[in-house]
Amino acid sequence: MPVLPAVYVADLTSGTVSVINRASNTVTVTVTVEKNPTGVAVSPHGDRAYVADQGANTVSVIDTAANSVTGTITIETNPRGVAAL
């Protein structure tokens, strides 16, 4: 599994995910996702991050190369966590 140069952190109140550079420990970009993001998981290949959007009943899909949302997945109710295997 590749080691990503970044850490992805959900910010519940701002509706964003902060992308933190692991080498400098600084926020390099924030990605706007749906309402109330509560959890993030990165795919095994490192090419996608999945964000549980509790307030929108969706999961946002982030392209980690571009750090942009490429789509959303509708979930029944209140997603709070994500695990990638």
Protein backbone atom coordinates (compact mmCIF):
# COMPACT_ATOMS: atom_id res chain seq x y z
CA MET A 1 0.00 0.00 0.00
CA PRO A 2 1.41 3.44 -0.90
CA VAL A 3 2.18 5.96 1.81
CA LEU A 4 0.28 9.16 1.14
CA PRO A 5 2.11 12.44 1.67
CA ALA A 6 -1.03 13.86 3.27
CA VAL A 7 -3.45 13.34 6.13
CA TYR A 8 -7.18 13.98 5.61
CA VAL A 9 -9.16 15.43 8.55
CA ALA A 10 -12.94 16.03 8.59
CA ASP A 11 -14.16 19.31 10.12
CA LEU A 12 -17.73 18.82 11.28
CA THR A 13 -18.64 22.48 11.66
CA SER A 14 -17.12 23.90 8.47
CA GLY A 15 -18.26 21.20 6.03
CA THR A 16 -14.70 20.69 4.82
CA VAL A 17 -11.83 18.24 4.88
CA SER A 18 -8.40 19.66 5.67
CA VAL A 19 -5.50 18.16 3.74
CA ILE A 20 -2.37 18.24 5.89
CA ASN A 21 1.11 17.86 4.40
CA ARG A 22 2.89 15.19 6.45
CA ALA A 23 6.37 16.64 5.86
CA SER A 24 5.57 20.20 6.97
CA ASN A 25 2.57 19.56 9.26
CA THR A 26 0.65 22.35 7.56
CA VAL A 27 -2.79 22.50 5.97
CA THR A 28 -2.20 22.70 2.23
CA VAL A 29 -5.80 22.81 1.04
CA THR A 30 -9.35 22.44 2.31
CA VAL A 31 -11.90 20.51 0.30
CA THR A 32 -15.58 21.44 0.63
CA VAL A 33 -17.77 18.36 1.11
CA GLU A 34 -21.41 17.87 2.12
CA LYS A 35 -22.90 18.86 5.49
CA ASN A 36 -21.30 17.73 8.78
CA PRO A 37 -18.41 15.46 7.71
CA THR A 38 -17.59 13.06 10.55
CA GLY A 39 -15.13 10.48 9.26
CA VAL A 40 -12.58 9.88 6.52
CA ALA A 41 -11.02 6.72 5.07
CA VAL A 42 -8.51 6.45 2.24
CA SER A 43 -8.80 3.66 -0.35
CA PRO A 44 -6.14 0.92 -0.25
CA HIS A 45 -4.46 2.35 -3.36
CA GLY A 46 -4.50 5.88 -1.95
CA ASP A 47 -6.29 7.37 -4.95
CA ARG A 48 -9.59 8.17 -3.21
CA ALA A 49 -10.71 9.45 0.19
CA TYR A 50 -14.24 8.72 1.37
CA VAL A 51 -15.92 11.16 3.76
CA ALA A 52 -19.02 10.36 5.84
CA ASP A 53 -21.31 13.40 5.59
CA GLN A 54 -23.62 12.88 8.54
CA GLY A 55 -25.79 15.95 7.94
CA ALA A 56 -26.39 15.12 4.27
CA ASN A 57 -26.75 11.32 4.45
CA THR A 58 -24.01 10.96 1.86
CA VAL A 59 -20.40 9.91 1.44
CA SER A 60 -18.25 12.35 -0.53
CA VAL A 61 -15.58 10.84 -2.77
CA ILE A 62 -12.35 12.85 -3.03
CA ASP A 63 -9.74 12.32 -5.75
CA THR A 64 -6.52 12.53 -3.69
CA ALA A 65 -4.38 13.57 -6.67
CA ALA A 66 -6.53 16.63 -7.38
CA ASN A 67 -7.96 17.04 -3.86
CA SER A 68 -11.42 17.61 -5.27
CA VAL A 69 -14.78 15.90 -4.83
CA THR A 70 -15.55 13.63 -7.77
CA GLY A 71 -18.93 12.40 -6.56
CA THR A 72 -21.24 11.50 -3.69
CA ILE A 73 -22.87 8.28 -2.59
CA THR A 74 -26.29 8.43 -0.92
CA ILE A 75 -26.52 6.58 2.40
CA GLU A 76 -29.74 5.70 4.25
CA THR A 77 -29.24 7.80 7.41
CA ASN A 78 -26.53 9.51 9.47
CA PRO A 79 -23.22 8.04 8.29
CA ARG A 80 -20.60 8.65 10.98
CA GLY A 81 -17.57 6.61 10.10
CA VAL A 82 -15.80 5.04 7.16
CA ALA A 83 -13.41 2.09 6.88
CA ALA A 84 -11.42 1.13 3.80
CA LEU A 85 -10.17 -2.43 3.41
